[in-house]
Amino acid sequence: MMWLFGVVVAVELLGVTLDVPLLQWLAKPLLAPVLIAYLWTVRRRFDGVAVGLVFATAGDVALLMSGQTAFLAGMAFFLGAQISFLVTFVRRRRPPLPALLGYAVLWALANALLWSSLGPLRLPILGYSLALCAMAAAAVGVSRRTAIGGALFLFSDLVIGLGAAGTTLPGHHLLVMTTYIAALLLITTGWAAAGPGATGEPAGRPPSPTTARA
């Protein structure tokens, strides 16, 4: 299954690099569904992380369109993804206090710095980024891999936030997509490898040694 994900990623990044919308429309909506299929082969159940990936798929499609309405729709779908990941991670294990405090400070600082430049997007981004930071903190309580995935998701969306505030980094779109793809991959595989949680969640089939985020 991971070979298929690699092919989809290659097509998507090629489309972003060469600015070919057709390639992005072909590949981007498949990123999360391939990971859902992988998760099913490992855990044999449709859980909260899979639900989050469904929301991510809808968000990816929305963000392929232009305009503020599409941007807000994409943000709403990704809010659903963050909440799904957050609830699932917290049900498994409470996030450590240092992670909660660190991400709370980062959330406050980032919003304070961007506030004057965001215009009508201020409140939507304020709420979305709160859920995103909470998810990233909760990911720390699952495993090192999910923690890195949560941090990369935050970084990717921070780059998008900078763009919305009028600051575009070199290689903006490629940076957003590579970190987003890596985040989805690490969150999914980290969750798959974490096994049953402390809440008595039934275990799925253990991951095979060979299958070991425009």
N, C-alpha and C. Protein backbone atom coordinates (compact mmCIF):
# COMPACT_ATOMS: atom_id res chain seq x y z
N MET A 1 0.82 -1.21 0.00
CA MET A 1 0.00 0.00 0.00
C MET A 1 0.86 1.26 0.00
N MET A 2 2.01 1.20 0.68
CA MET A 2 2.87 2.37 0.75
C MET A 2 3.47 2.72 -0.60
N TRP A 3 3.65 1.73 -1.48
CA TRP A 3 4.17 2.04 -2.81
C TRP A 3 3.18 2.92 -3.58
N LEU A 4 1.88 2.64 -3.40
CA LEU A 4 0.86 3.44 -4.05
C LEU A 4 0.86 4.86 -3.50
N PHE A 5 1.02 4.98 -2.21
CA PHE A 5 1.10 6.31 -1.59
C PHE A 5 2.30 7.07 -2.17
N GLY A 6 3.43 6.38 -2.36
CA GLY A 6 4.61 7.01 -2.93
C GLY A 6 4.36 7.53 -4.33
N VAL A 7 3.63 6.76 -5.13
CA VAL A 7 3.31 7.19 -6.49
C VAL A 7 2.42 8.43 -6.46
N VAL A 8 1.40 8.42 -5.60
CA VAL A 8 0.49 9.56 -5.50
C VAL A 8 1.25 10.80 -5.03
N VAL A 9 2.14 10.62 -4.06
CA VAL A 9 2.94 11.74 -3.56
C VAL A 9 3.82 12.31 -4.68
N ALA A 10 4.46 11.44 -5.45
CA ALA A 10 5.33 11.89 -6.53
C ALA A 10 4.56 12.71 -7.56
N VAL A 11 3.36 12.24 -7.93
CA VAL A 11 2.54 12.97 -8.90
C VAL A 11 2.11 14.32 -8.33
N GLU A 12 1.70 14.32 -7.08
CA GLU A 12 1.26 15.57 -6.44
C GLU A 12 2.41 16.59 -6.37
N LEU A 13 3.57 16.16 -5.92
CA LEU A 13 4.70 17.10 -5.79
C LEU A 13 5.19 17.56 -7.15
N LEU A 14 5.10 16.70 -8.15
CA LEU A 14 5.45 17.12 -9.51
C LEU A 14 4.47 18.19 -9.98
N GLY A 15 3.19 17.99 -9.71
CA GLY A 15 2.19 18.98 -10.09
C GLY A 15 2.39 20.31 -9.39
N VAL A 16 2.78 20.26 -8.12
CA VAL A 16 3.03 21.50 -7.37
C VAL A 16 4.29 22.20 -7.90
N THR A 17 5.35 21.43 -8.12
CA THR A 17 6.61 21.99 -8.58
C THR A 17 6.47 22.64 -9.96
N LEU A 18 5.77 21.96 -10.87
CA LEU A 18 5.62 22.47 -12.24
C LEU A 18 4.38 23.33 -12.41
N ASP A 19 3.59 23.48 -11.33
CA ASP A 19 2.34 24.24 -11.35
C ASP A 19 1.40 23.72 -12.45
N VAL A 20 1.12 22.41 -12.35
CA VAL A 20 0.21 21.76 -13.29
C VAL A 20 -1.05 21.35 -12.51
N PRO A 21 -2.10 22.14 -12.56
CA PRO A 21 -3.31 21.85 -11.79
C PRO A 21 -3.89 20.46 -12.05
N LEU A 22 -3.81 19.97 -13.29
CA LEU A 22 -4.38 18.66 -13.60
C LEU A 22 -3.74 17.57 -12.74
N LEU A 23 -2.41 17.60 -12.62
CA LEU A 23 -1.73 16.60 -11.80
C LEU A 23 -2.15 16.70 -10.34
N GLN A 24 -2.33 17.93 -9.87
CA GLN A 24 -2.73 18.12 -8.48
C GLN A 24 -4.16 17.62 -8.26
N TRP A 25 -5.05 17.84 -9.22
CA TRP A 25 -6.42 17.34 -9.10
C TRP A 25 -6.46 15.81 -9.14
N LEU A 26 -5.53 15.22 -9.88
CA LEU A 26 -5.48 13.77 -9.97
C LEU A 26 -4.94 13.14 -8.69
N ALA A 27 -3.95 13.79 -8.06
CA ALA A 27 -3.24 13.16 -6.96
C ALA A 27 -3.67 13.60 -5.57
N LYS A 28 -3.87 14.89 -5.37
CA LYS A 28 -4.11 15.39 -4.02
C LYS A 28 -5.31 14.75 -3.33
N PRO A 29 -6.45 14.57 -4.05
CA PRO A 29 -7.61 13.95 -3.38
C PRO A 29 -7.39 12.48 -3.01
N LEU A 30 -6.29 11.87 -3.48
CA LEU A 30 -6.03 10.46 -3.18
C LEU A 30 -5.07 10.26 -2.01
N LEU A 31 -4.41 11.33 -1.56
CA LEU A 31 -3.41 11.18 -0.50
C LEU A 31 -3.98 10.52 0.75
N ALA A 32 -5.00 11.15 1.33
CA ALA A 32 -5.58 10.61 2.56
C ALA A 32 -6.32 9.29 2.35
N PRO A 33 -7.08 9.11 1.25
CA PRO A 33 -7.75 7.82 1.06
C PRO A 33 -6.80 6.63 1.01
N VAL A 34 -5.63 6.80 0.39
CA VAL A 34 -4.66 5.70 0.38
C VAL A 34 -4.20 5.38 1.80
N LEU A 35 -4.04 6.40 2.62
CA LEU A 35 -3.65 6.17 4.01
C LEU A 35 -4.78 5.53 4.81
N ILE A 36 -6.02 5.85 4.48
CA ILE A 36 -7.16 5.18 5.12
C ILE A 36 -7.13 3.69 4.80
N ALA A 37 -6.85 3.36 3.55
CA ALA A 37 -6.77 1.96 3.15
C ALA A 37 -5.64 1.25 3.89
N TYR A 38 -4.49 1.94 4.01
CA TYR A 38 -3.37 1.36 4.76
C TYR A 38 -3.77 1.11 6.21
N LEU A 39 -4.42 2.10 6.82
CA LEU A 39 -4.82 1.97 8.21
C LEU A 39 -5.77 0.79 8.41
N TRP A 40 -6.64 0.58 7.41
CA TRP A 40 -7.57 -0.54 7.51
C TRP A 40 -6.82 -1.87 7.46
N THR A 41 -5.80 -1.98 6.62
CA THR A 41 -5.06 -3.24 6.53
C THR A 41 -4.33 -3.56 7.83
N VAL A 42 -4.01 -2.53 8.59
CA VAL A 42 -3.27 -2.75 9.84
C VAL A 42 -4.19 -2.95 11.03
N ARG A 43 -5.21 -2.09 11.17
CA ARG A 43 -6.04 -2.11 12.37
C ARG A 43 -7.39 -2.79 12.18
N ARG A 44 -7.81 -3.00 10.92
CA ARG A 44 -9.07 -3.68 10.62
C ARG A 44 -10.26 -3.02 11.30
N ARG A 45 -10.24 -1.71 11.40
CA ARG A 45 -11.36 -0.97 11.95
C ARG A 45 -11.30 0.47 11.47
N PHE A 46 -12.46 1.10 11.39
CA PHE A 46 -12.55 2.49 10.95
C PHE A 46 -12.66 3.35 12.21
N ASP A 47 -11.55 3.95 12.60
CA ASP A 47 -11.53 4.67 13.87
C ASP A 47 -11.45 6.18 13.65
N GLY A 48 -11.18 6.92 14.75
CA GLY A 48 -11.16 8.38 14.69
C GLY A 48 -10.10 8.95 13.78
N VAL A 49 -8.96 8.28 13.67
CA VAL A 49 -7.92 8.76 12.77
C VAL A 49 -8.39 8.63 11.32
N ALA A 50 -9.07 7.53 11.00
CA ALA A 50 -9.64 7.37 9.66
C ALA A 50 -10.68 8.45 9.37
N VAL A 51 -11.51 8.77 10.37
CA VAL A 51 -12.49 9.85 10.21
C VAL A 51 -11.77 11.17 9.92
N GLY A 52 -10.68 11.42 10.65
CA GLY A 52 -9.89 12.62 10.41
C GLY A 52 -9.34 12.68 9.00
N LEU A 53 -8.94 11.53 8.47
CA LEU A 53 -8.42 11.47 7.11
C LEU A 53 -9.52 11.70 6.07
N VAL A 54 -10.76 11.31 6.39
CA VAL A 54 -11.88 11.61 5.50
C VAL A 54 -12.08 13.13 5.43
N PHE A 55 -12.06 13.78 6.59
CA PHE A 55 -12.17 15.25 6.62
C PHE A 55 -11.00 15.89 5.85
N ALA A 56 -9.80 15.33 5.99
CA ALA A 56 -8.65 15.87 5.28
C ALA A 56 -8.83 15.76 3.77
N THR A 57 -9.43 14.67 3.31
CA THR A 57 -9.70 14.52 1.88
C THR A 57 -10.62 15.63 1.39
N ALA A 58 -11.70 15.89 2.13
CA ALA A 58 -12.62 16.97 1.74
C ALA A 58 -11.91 18.32 1.77
N GLY A 59 -11.04 18.53 2.76
CA GLY A 59 -10.29 19.77 2.83
C GLY A 59 -9.33 19.93 1.67
N ASP A 60 -8.69 18.85 1.27
CA ASP A 60 -7.77 18.89 0.13
C ASP A 60 -8.50 19.30 -1.14
N VAL A 61 -9.68 18.74 -1.36
CA VAL A 61 -10.46 19.07 -2.55
C VAL A 61 -10.87 20.54 -2.51
N ALA A 62 -11.33 21.02 -1.35
CA ALA A 62 -11.76 22.41 -1.23
C ALA A 62 -10.61 23.37 -1.52
N LEU A 63 -9.42 23.04 -1.04
CA LEU A 63 -8.27 23.93 -1.21
C LEU A 63 -7.67 23.87 -2.61
N LEU A 64 -8.12 22.94 -3.43
CA LEU A 64 -7.71 22.95 -4.83
C LEU A 64 -8.43 24.06 -5.60
N MET A 65 -9.50 24.57 -5.03
CA MET A 65 -10.26 25.65 -5.66
C MET A 65 -9.74 26.99 -5.15
N SER A 66 -10.01 28.03 -5.90
CA SER A 66 -9.53 29.36 -5.53
C SER A 66 -10.64 30.17 -4.87
N GLY A 67 -10.24 31.22 -4.16
CA GLY A 67 -11.21 32.12 -3.53
C GLY A 67 -11.32 31.91 -2.03
N GLN A 68 -11.81 32.94 -1.34
CA GLN A 68 -11.91 32.89 0.12
C GLN A 68 -12.94 31.88 0.60
N THR A 69 -14.02 31.70 -0.18
CA THR A 69 -15.04 30.73 0.23
C THR A 69 -14.47 29.32 0.27
N ALA A 70 -13.69 28.98 -0.75
CA ALA A 70 -13.06 27.66 -0.79
C ALA A 70 -12.06 27.52 0.34
N PHE A 71 -11.32 28.60 0.62
CA PHE A 71 -10.34 28.58 1.72
C PHE A 71 -11.02 28.31 3.06
N LEU A 72 -12.14 29.01 3.29
CA LEU A 72 -12.87 28.83 4.55
C LEU A 72 -13.49 27.44 4.63
N ALA A 73 -13.97 26.92 3.49
CA ALA A 73 -14.53 25.56 3.49
C ALA A 73 -13.43 24.56 3.81
N GLY A 74 -12.25 24.75 3.19
CA GLY A 74 -11.13 23.86 3.49
C GLY A 74 -10.75 23.91 4.95
N MET A 75 -10.73 25.12 5.52
CA MET A 75 -10.41 25.25 6.94
C MET A 75 -11.43 24.53 7.81
N ALA A 76 -12.72 24.62 7.42
CA ALA A 76 -13.77 23.94 8.19
C ALA A 76 -13.58 22.43 8.15
N PHE A 77 -13.26 21.89 6.96
CA PHE A 77 -13.04 20.45 6.86
C PHE A 77 -11.81 20.03 7.68
N PHE A 78 -10.75 20.82 7.61
CA PHE A 78 -9.56 20.46 8.38
C PHE A 78 -9.77 20.65 9.87
N LEU A 79 -10.69 21.55 10.25
CA LEU A 79 -11.06 21.63 11.65
C LEU A 79 -11.67 20.31 12.10
N GLY A 80 -12.52 19.73 11.24
CA GLY A 80 -13.07 18.41 11.54
C GLY A 80 -11.98 17.37 11.69
N ALA A 81 -10.96 17.45 10.83
CA ALA A 81 -9.84 16.50 10.93
C ALA A 81 -9.11 16.66 12.25
N GLN A 82 -8.82 17.92 12.63
CA GLN A 82 -8.07 18.14 13.88
C GLN A 82 -8.86 17.66 15.09
N ILE A 83 -10.17 17.91 15.09
CA ILE A 83 -10.98 17.48 16.22
C ILE A 83 -11.04 15.96 16.28
N SER A 84 -11.16 15.31 15.13
CA SER A 84 -11.19 13.84 15.10
C SER A 84 -9.88 13.26 15.64
N PHE A 85 -8.74 13.79 15.16
CA PHE A 85 -7.45 13.33 15.66
C PHE A 85 -7.33 13.60 17.16
N LEU A 86 -7.71 14.81 17.57
CA LEU A 86 -7.57 15.21 18.97
C LEU A 86 -8.35 14.28 19.90
N VAL A 87 -9.63 14.06 19.59
CA VAL A 87 -10.46 13.22 20.46
C VAL A 87 -9.90 11.79 20.51
N THR A 88 -9.46 11.29 19.37
CA THR A 88 -8.93 9.92 19.32
C THR A 88 -7.65 9.79 20.13
N PHE A 89 -6.75 10.75 19.99
CA PHE A 89 -5.49 10.70 20.72
C PHE A 89 -5.71 10.83 22.23
N VAL A 90 -6.59 11.76 22.64
CA VAL A 90 -6.82 11.99 24.06
C VAL A 90 -7.50 10.79 24.71
N ARG A 91 -8.38 10.11 23.96
CA ARG A 91 -9.03 8.91 24.50
C ARG A 91 -7.99 7.81 24.77
N ARG A 92 -6.93 7.83 24.01
CA ARG A 92 -5.90 6.81 24.21
C ARG A 92 -4.98 7.17 25.38
N ARG A 93 -4.56 8.42 25.42
CA ARG A 93 -3.66 8.85 26.50
C ARG A 93 -3.69 10.36 26.62
N ARG A 94 -3.68 10.85 27.83
CA ARG A 94 -3.66 12.30 28.03
C ARG A 94 -2.31 12.87 27.58
N PRO A 95 -2.33 14.03 26.92
CA PRO A 95 -1.06 14.63 26.50
C PRO A 95 -0.27 15.13 27.70
N PRO A 96 1.05 15.09 27.64
CA PRO A 96 1.86 15.59 28.74
C PRO A 96 1.70 17.09 28.92
N LEU A 97 1.76 17.55 30.16
CA LEU A 97 1.56 18.96 30.47
C LEU A 97 2.56 19.88 29.75
N PRO A 98 3.85 19.52 29.66
CA PRO A 98 4.78 20.39 28.93
C PRO A 98 4.38 20.62 27.47
N ALA A 99 3.84 19.57 26.84
CA ALA A 99 3.39 19.72 25.44
C ALA A 99 2.20 20.67 25.36
N LEU A 100 1.26 20.55 26.29
CA LEU A 100 0.11 21.43 26.31
C LEU A 100 0.54 22.88 26.50
N LEU A 101 1.44 23.11 27.45
CA LEU A 101 1.89 24.47 27.73
C LEU A 101 2.68 25.04 26.56
N GLY A 102 3.56 24.22 25.98
CA GLY A 102 4.39 24.68 24.86
C GLY A 102 3.55 25.07 23.66
N TYR A 103 2.59 24.22 23.30
CA TYR A 103 1.75 24.52 22.15
C TYR A 103 0.79 25.67 22.44
N ALA A 104 0.37 25.85 23.71
CA ALA A 104 -0.49 26.99 24.07
C ALA A 104 0.27 28.30 23.88
N VAL A 105 1.52 28.32 24.29
CA VAL A 105 2.35 29.52 24.11
C VAL A 105 2.56 29.80 22.63
N LEU A 106 2.83 28.74 21.86
CA LEU A 106 3.04 28.90 20.41
C LEU A 106 1.79 29.43 19.74
N TRP A 107 0.61 28.91 20.13
CA TRP A 107 -0.66 29.38 19.57
C TRP A 107 -0.87 30.86 19.85
N ALA A 108 -0.65 31.27 21.09
CA ALA A 108 -0.84 32.67 21.46
C ALA A 108 0.13 33.58 20.73
N LEU A 109 1.39 33.16 20.65
CA LEU A 109 2.41 33.97 20.00
C LEU A 109 2.15 34.12 18.50
N ALA A 110 1.84 33.00 17.83
CA ALA A 110 1.61 33.05 16.38
C ALA A 110 0.41 33.92 16.05
N ASN A 111 -0.68 33.78 16.80
CA ASN A 111 -1.86 34.59 16.52
C ASN A 111 -1.64 36.06 16.83
N ALA A 112 -0.86 36.35 17.87
CA ALA A 112 -0.55 37.74 18.19
C ALA A 112 0.27 38.39 17.08
N LEU A 113 1.22 37.65 16.53
CA LEU A 113 2.08 38.20 15.49
C LEU A 113 1.33 38.41 14.17
N LEU A 114 0.38 37.52 13.85
CA LEU A 114 -0.31 37.58 12.57
C LEU A 114 -1.63 38.35 12.63
N TRP A 115 -2.11 38.65 13.82
CA TRP A 115 -3.45 39.19 14.01
C TRP A 115 -3.75 40.41 13.14
N SER A 116 -2.84 41.37 13.11
CA SER A 116 -3.11 42.62 12.39
C SER A 116 -3.11 42.44 10.88
N SER A 117 -2.60 41.32 10.38
CA SER A 117 -2.49 41.11 8.93
C SER A 117 -3.54 40.16 8.37
N LEU A 118 -4.35 39.56 9.22
CA LEU A 118 -5.27 38.52 8.76
C LEU A 118 -6.64 39.04 8.33
N GLY A 119 -6.99 40.26 8.72
CA GLY A 119 -8.27 40.83 8.31
C GLY A 119 -9.45 39.96 8.74
N PRO A 120 -10.41 39.68 7.82
CA PRO A 120 -11.61 38.91 8.19
C PRO A 120 -11.33 37.44 8.52
N LEU A 121 -10.09 36.99 8.26
CA LEU A 121 -9.75 35.60 8.57
C LEU A 121 -9.29 35.43 10.02
N ARG A 122 -9.23 36.54 10.78
CA ARG A 122 -8.68 36.47 12.13
C ARG A 122 -9.38 35.42 13.01
N LEU A 123 -10.71 35.56 13.13
CA LEU A 123 -11.43 34.67 14.04
C LEU A 123 -11.44 33.22 13.56
N PRO A 124 -11.69 32.95 12.25
CA PRO A 124 -11.61 31.55 11.81
C PRO A 124 -10.25 30.92 12.07
N ILE A 125 -9.18 31.68 11.80
CA ILE A 125 -7.84 31.13 12.02
C ILE A 125 -7.56 30.98 13.51
N LEU A 126 -8.07 31.89 14.33
CA LEU A 126 -7.89 31.78 15.78
C LEU A 126 -8.47 30.47 16.29
N GLY A 127 -9.71 30.16 15.86
CA GLY A 127 -10.34 28.92 16.32
C GLY A 127 -9.70 27.69 15.75
N TYR A 128 -9.41 27.72 14.43
CA TYR A 128 -8.79 26.55 13.81
C TYR A 128 -7.42 26.26 14.41
N SER A 129 -6.61 27.31 14.59
CA SER A 129 -5.26 27.08 15.11
C SER A 129 -5.28 26.57 16.54
N LEU A 130 -6.32 26.92 17.30
CA LEU A 130 -6.44 26.37 18.66
C LEU A 130 -6.63 24.86 18.61
N ALA A 131 -7.53 24.41 17.73
CA ALA A 131 -7.75 22.97 17.59
C ALA A 131 -6.51 22.28 17.06
N LEU A 132 -5.80 22.92 16.12
CA LEU A 132 -4.59 22.35 15.55
C LEU A 132 -3.50 22.17 16.61
N CYS A 133 -3.29 23.22 17.43
CA CYS A 133 -2.27 23.12 18.49
C CYS A 133 -2.65 22.08 19.54
N ALA A 134 -3.95 21.99 19.85
CA ALA A 134 -4.39 20.97 20.80
C ALA A 134 -4.14 19.58 20.24
N MET A 135 -4.40 19.39 18.94
CA MET A 135 -4.14 18.09 18.31
C MET A 135 -2.65 17.75 18.37
N ALA A 136 -1.81 18.74 18.04
CA ALA A 136 -0.36 18.49 18.04
C ALA A 136 0.13 18.12 19.44
N ALA A 137 -0.43 18.78 20.45
CA ALA A 137 -0.06 18.44 21.83
C ALA A 137 -0.53 17.04 22.19
N ALA A 138 -1.76 16.69 21.78
CA ALA A 138 -2.28 15.36 22.08
C ALA A 138 -1.49 14.28 21.36
N ALA A 139 -0.97 14.59 20.16
CA ALA A 139 -0.18 13.61 19.40
C ALA A 139 1.09 13.21 20.16
N VAL A 140 1.59 14.11 21.00
CA VAL A 140 2.79 13.80 21.78
C VAL A 140 2.53 12.64 22.72
N GLY A 141 1.30 12.52 23.18
CA GLY A 141 0.97 11.45 24.11
C GLY A 141 0.82 10.08 23.49
N VAL A 142 0.83 10.00 22.16
CA VAL A 142 0.65 8.71 21.48
C VAL A 142 1.99 8.05 21.19
N SER A 143 2.84 8.74 20.46
CA SER A 143 4.16 8.19 20.13
C SER A 143 5.04 9.31 19.58
N ARG A 144 6.33 9.03 19.48
CA ARG A 144 7.24 10.03 18.92
C ARG A 144 6.88 10.32 17.47
N ARG A 145 6.47 9.30 16.73
CA ARG A 145 6.14 9.49 15.32
C ARG A 145 4.91 10.37 15.14
N THR A 146 3.87 10.13 15.92
CA THR A 146 2.69 10.98 15.81
C THR A 146 3.00 12.39 16.30
N ALA A 147 3.87 12.52 17.28
CA ALA A 147 4.26 13.84 17.77
C ALA A 147 4.93 14.66 16.66
N ILE A 148 5.83 14.02 15.92
CA ILE A 148 6.48 14.71 14.80
C ILE A 148 5.46 15.05 13.73
N GLY A 149 4.52 14.10 13.47
CA GLY A 149 3.47 14.36 12.50
C GLY A 149 2.61 15.55 12.89
N GLY A 150 2.24 15.63 14.16
CA GLY A 150 1.45 16.76 14.62
C GLY A 150 2.20 18.08 14.49
N ALA A 151 3.50 18.06 14.81
CA ALA A 151 4.31 19.27 14.69
C ALA A 151 4.43 19.71 13.23
N LEU A 152 4.59 18.75 12.31
CA LEU A 152 4.69 19.08 10.88
C LEU A 152 3.37 19.61 10.33
N PHE A 153 2.25 19.07 10.82
CA PHE A 153 0.94 19.57 10.41
C PHE A 153 0.82 21.04 10.81
N LEU A 154 1.23 21.34 12.05
CA LEU A 154 1.20 22.71 12.54
C LEU A 154 2.10 23.61 11.70
N PHE A 155 3.30 23.13 11.38
CA PHE A 155 4.22 23.93 10.58
C PHE A 155 3.64 24.21 9.19
N SER A 156 3.08 23.17 8.57
CA SER A 156 2.50 23.35 7.24
C SER A 156 1.40 24.39 7.24
N ASP A 157 0.52 24.32 8.24
CA ASP A 157 -0.58 25.28 8.31
C ASP A 157 -0.09 26.66 8.74
N LEU A 158 1.00 26.73 9.49
CA LEU A 158 1.59 28.02 9.84
C LEU A 158 2.10 28.73 8.58
N VAL A 159 2.69 27.97 7.65
CA VAL A 159 3.15 28.54 6.39
C VAL A 159 1.96 29.07 5.59
N ILE A 160 0.84 28.30 5.60
CA ILE A 160 -0.37 28.78 4.94
C ILE A 160 -0.87 30.06 5.60
N GLY A 161 -0.82 30.10 6.94
CA GLY A 161 -1.24 31.29 7.68
C GLY A 161 -0.39 32.50 7.35
N LEU A 162 0.92 32.28 7.19
CA LEU A 162 1.81 33.38 6.80
C LEU A 162 1.43 33.91 5.42
N GLY A 163 1.09 32.98 4.50
CA GLY A 163 0.65 33.39 3.18
C GLY A 163 -0.63 34.20 3.24
N ALA A 164 -1.58 33.77 4.10
CA ALA A 164 -2.83 34.51 4.25
C ALA A 164 -2.58 35.90 4.83
N ALA A 165 -1.49 36.05 5.60
CA ALA A 165 -1.14 37.34 6.19
C ALA A 165 -0.28 38.18 5.27
N GLY A 166 0.04 37.66 4.07
CA GLY A 166 0.80 38.43 3.09
C GLY A 166 2.28 38.14 3.05
N THR A 167 2.73 37.11 3.79
CA THR A 167 4.14 36.75 3.79
C THR A 167 4.31 35.39 3.14
N THR A 168 4.95 35.37 1.97
CA THR A 168 5.13 34.13 1.23
C THR A 168 6.59 33.70 1.28
N LEU A 169 6.84 32.52 1.79
CA LEU A 169 8.20 32.00 1.88
C LEU A 169 8.65 31.44 0.53
N PRO A 170 9.96 31.37 0.30
CA PRO A 170 10.45 30.73 -0.95
C PRO A 170 9.96 29.29 -1.04
N GLY A 171 9.49 28.91 -2.22
CA GLY A 171 8.97 27.54 -2.39
C GLY A 171 7.75 27.29 -1.55
N HIS A 172 6.92 28.31 -1.38
CA HIS A 172 5.76 28.27 -0.47
C HIS A 172 4.90 27.02 -0.65
N HIS A 173 4.38 26.81 -1.87
CA HIS A 173 3.45 25.70 -2.10
C HIS A 173 4.11 24.34 -1.91
N LEU A 174 5.35 24.21 -2.36
CA LEU A 174 6.05 22.94 -2.19
C LEU A 174 6.33 22.67 -0.72
N LEU A 175 6.70 23.72 0.02
CA LEU A 175 6.96 23.57 1.45
C LEU A 175 5.69 23.14 2.19
N VAL A 176 4.56 23.77 1.83
CA VAL A 176 3.29 23.40 2.46
C VAL A 176 2.96 21.94 2.21
N MET A 177 3.09 21.51 0.95
CA MET A 177 2.67 20.15 0.62
C MET A 177 3.61 19.08 1.15
N THR A 178 4.92 19.32 1.10
CA THR A 178 5.84 18.28 1.59
C THR A 178 5.66 18.06 3.09
N THR A 179 5.51 19.15 3.84
CA THR A 179 5.34 19.00 5.30
C THR A 179 3.96 18.42 5.63
N TYR A 180 2.94 18.79 4.85
CA TYR A 180 1.60 18.24 5.08
C TYR A 180 1.56 16.74 4.79
N ILE A 181 2.16 16.35 3.68
CA ILE A 181 2.18 14.93 3.32
C ILE A 181 2.93 14.12 4.38
N ALA A 182 4.07 14.66 4.80
CA ALA A 182 4.84 13.96 5.85
C ALA A 182 4.04 13.86 7.14
N ALA A 183 3.27 14.93 7.46
CA ALA A 183 2.45 14.92 8.67
C ALA A 183 1.39 13.83 8.62
N LEU A 184 0.67 13.75 7.48
CA LEU A 184 -0.36 12.71 7.35
C LEU A 184 0.25 11.31 7.46
N LEU A 185 1.39 11.13 6.79
CA LEU A 185 2.04 9.82 6.81
C LEU A 185 2.47 9.43 8.22
N LEU A 186 3.10 10.36 8.94
CA LEU A 186 3.60 10.05 10.28
C LEU A 186 2.47 9.85 11.28
N ILE A 187 1.41 10.66 11.17
CA ILE A 187 0.27 10.48 12.07
C ILE A 187 -0.38 9.12 11.83
N THR A 188 -0.56 8.77 10.56
CA THR A 188 -1.23 7.50 10.23
C THR A 188 -0.39 6.30 10.63
N THR A 189 0.86 6.27 10.22
CA THR A 189 1.71 5.12 10.54
C THR A 189 2.03 5.06 12.03
N GLY A 190 2.17 6.24 12.66
CA GLY A 190 2.41 6.26 14.11
C GLY A 190 1.23 5.70 14.87
N TRP A 191 0.03 6.07 14.44
CA TRP A 191 -1.18 5.55 15.08
C TRP A 191 -1.32 4.05 14.82
N ALA A 192 -1.02 3.63 13.60
CA ALA A 192 -1.12 2.21 13.28
C ALA A 192 -0.16 1.38 14.12
N ALA A 193 1.03 1.92 14.36
CA ALA A 193 2.05 1.18 15.12
C ALA A 193 1.85 1.24 16.62
N ALA A 194 1.00 2.19 17.07
CA ALA A 194 0.85 2.38 18.52
C ALA A 194 0.13 1.23 19.19
N GLY A 195 -0.70 0.51 18.42
CA GLY A 195 -1.39 -0.64 19.01
C GLY A 195 -2.55 -0.21 19.88
N PRO A 196 -3.11 -1.13 20.66
CA PRO A 196 -4.27 -0.82 21.50
C PRO A 196 -3.92 0.20 22.56
N GLY A 197 -4.88 1.06 22.89
CA GLY A 197 -4.63 2.11 23.86
C GLY A 197 -4.95 1.69 25.28
N ALA A 198 -4.71 2.60 26.18
CA ALA A 198 -4.93 2.33 27.59
C ALA A 198 -6.41 2.21 27.94
N THR A 199 -7.27 2.68 27.02
CA THR A 199 -8.70 2.64 27.29
C THR A 199 -9.33 1.30 26.93
N GLY A 200 -8.50 0.34 26.54
CA GLY A 200 -9.03 -0.97 26.21
C GLY A 200 -9.46 -1.10 24.78
N GLU A 201 -8.99 -0.22 23.92
CA GLU A 201 -9.32 -0.30 22.50
C GLU A 201 -8.83 -1.62 21.94
N PRO A 202 -9.65 -2.33 21.16
CA PRO A 202 -9.21 -3.60 20.62
C PRO A 202 -8.07 -3.43 19.65
N ALA A 203 -7.16 -4.35 19.68
CA ALA A 203 -5.99 -4.27 18.81
C ALA A 203 -6.33 -4.78 17.43
N GLY A 204 -5.71 -4.14 16.44
CA GLY A 204 -5.81 -4.64 15.08
C GLY A 204 -4.64 -5.55 14.79
N ARG A 205 -4.52 -5.98 13.54
CA ARG A 205 -3.39 -6.80 13.16
C ARG A 205 -2.12 -5.98 13.26
N PRO A 206 -1.05 -6.47 13.86
CA PRO A 206 0.18 -5.71 13.97
C PRO A 206 0.75 -5.39 12.60
N PRO A 207 1.44 -4.22 12.46
CA PRO A 207 1.98 -3.87 11.16
C PRO A 207 3.05 -4.84 10.72
N SER A 208 3.06 -5.13 9.43
CA SER A 208 4.07 -6.02 8.86
C SER A 208 5.42 -5.35 8.84
N PRO A 209 6.52 -6.06 9.06
CA PRO A 209 7.85 -5.46 9.01
C PRO A 209 8.16 -4.84 7.66
N THR A 210 7.46 -5.26 6.61
CA THR A 210 7.77 -4.75 5.27
C THR A 210 6.91 -3.55 4.90
N THR A 211 5.99 -3.17 5.78
CA THR A 211 5.12 -2.02 5.47
C THR A 211 5.34 -0.89 6.45
N ALA A 212 6.71 -1.45 6.89
CA ALA A 212 6.97 -0.56 8.05
C ALA A 212 7.16 0.74 7.65
N ARG A 213 2.27 15.09 4.75
CA ARG A 213 1.25 15.74 4.17
C ARG A 213 1.76 15.79 2.61
N ALA A 214 -2.65 23.11 -2.17
CA ALA A 214 -1.66 23.82 -2.99
C ALA A 214 -2.05 25.25 -3.07
